[in-house]
Protein backbone atom coordinates (compact mmCIF):
# COMPACT_ATOMS: atom_id res chain seq x y z
CA LEU A 1 -0.18 0.23 0.01
CA GLY A 2 2.79 2.49 0.45
CA TYR A 3 2.94 5.17 2.76
CA ARG A 4 -0.44 6.51 3.97
CA PRO A 5 -1.32 10.13 5.61
CA GLN A 6 -3.49 7.99 8.20
CA ASP A 7 0.41 6.08 8.77
CA ASP A 8 1.39 9.19 10.65
CA THR A 9 -1.31 11.78 12.09
CA PRO A 10 0.22 13.95 15.17
CA PRO A 11 -1.08 14.03 17.99
CA VAL A 12 -4.50 15.52 18.31
CA VAL A 13 -5.78 18.09 21.03
CA VAL A 14 -10.12 17.25 22.19
CA PRO A 15 -12.00 19.89 22.43
CA ALA A 16 -13.97 20.27 25.91
CA GLY A 17 -17.58 17.90 24.65
CA HIS A 18 -16.61 16.25 21.53
CA VAL A 19 -14.62 13.34 20.83
CA PHE A 20 -11.88 11.63 18.72
CA LEU A 21 -13.22 8.75 17.04
CA MET A 22 -10.22 6.07 14.89
CA GLY A 23 -12.63 3.68 13.10
CA ASP A 24 -11.75 -0.77 12.69
CA ASN A 25 -9.82 -0.70 9.70
CA ARG A 26 -7.02 2.07 10.20
CA ASP A 27 -5.91 1.23 6.49
CA ASN A 28 -9.46 2.45 5.32
CA SER A 29 -11.49 4.95 7.27
CA MET A 30 -12.26 8.26 7.23
CA ASP A 31 -12.35 8.71 11.10
CA SER A 32 -12.12 11.23 13.76
CA ARG A 33 -8.14 11.82 11.92
CA PHE A 34 -9.91 14.34 8.62
CA PRO A 35 -11.88 16.82 8.75
CA ALA A 36 -14.99 16.39 8.47
CA VAL A 37 -16.05 17.41 4.78
CA GLU A 38 -17.78 16.35 1.86
CA GLY A 39 -16.22 13.34 0.71
CA GLY A 40 -13.42 13.31 3.63
CA GLY A 41 -13.55 12.14 7.22
CA ILE A 42 -16.29 12.89 10.45
CA GLY A 43 -13.37 14.97 12.20
CA LEU A 44 -14.19 15.64 16.01
CA VAL A 45 -17.45 14.68 16.81
CA PRO A 46 -19.49 16.74 19.29
CA GLN A 47 -20.34 14.16 22.17
CA ASP A 48 -24.11 15.69 21.82
CA ASN A 49 -23.98 13.41 19.03
CA LEU A 50 -23.40 10.59 20.18
CA ILE A 51 -26.72 8.08 20.67
CA GLY A 52 -25.10 5.11 22.19
CA ARG A 53 -22.44 3.97 23.49
CA ALA A 54 -19.87 0.67 23.72
CA THR A 55 -21.21 -1.84 26.04
CA ILE A 56 -18.62 -4.33 24.81
CA VAL A 57 -14.83 -4.36 23.58
CA MET A 58 -13.41 -7.81 22.23
CA TRP A 59 -9.81 -7.22 21.79
CA SER A 60 -7.74 -4.80 23.74
CA THR A 61 -3.23 -4.71 23.99
CA ASP A 62 -1.25 -2.83 25.14
CA GLY A 63 0.72 -2.04 21.70
CA SER A 64 3.23 -4.78 21.91
CA ALA A 65 2.13 -7.38 20.31
CA ASN A 66 3.48 -8.13 16.53
CA TRP A 67 0.71 -8.52 13.80
CA PHE A 68 2.89 -11.56 12.45
CA LEU A 69 3.65 -13.48 15.29
CA PRO A 70 0.05 -14.26 16.86
CA TRP A 71 1.80 -16.03 19.74
CA THR A 72 2.32 -12.57 20.75
CA TRP A 73 -1.32 -11.43 20.82
CA PHE A 74 -1.82 -13.19 24.17
CA THR A 75 1.01 -11.25 26.42
CA ALA A 76 -0.62 -8.09 25.01
CA LEU A 77 -3.65 -8.45 26.05
CA ARG A 78 -5.58 -5.82 28.37
CA ALA A 79 -8.18 -8.95 29.06
CA ASN A 80 -9.60 -6.13 31.75
CA ARG A 81 -10.79 -4.00 29.07
CA ILE A 82 -13.58 -6.95 27.86
CA GLY A 83 -16.32 -7.79 28.55
């Protein structure tokens, strides 16, 4: 795929009353990393626009897992976030 803008997201300051939302397919999601423009991302989302809440986290890691080394997925697991 090569380098894409979503590969290097700079730090973002999220103002009070807003949330930063990241898609589940980081290489192909037009999420809060991109400004809210026609045909673009969603930008920072006002909390007033949220109508639901997450009820289950399926898998959460500490970032130390290697995609190509599946056995590392389990040592990186943050089990306290699942459920």
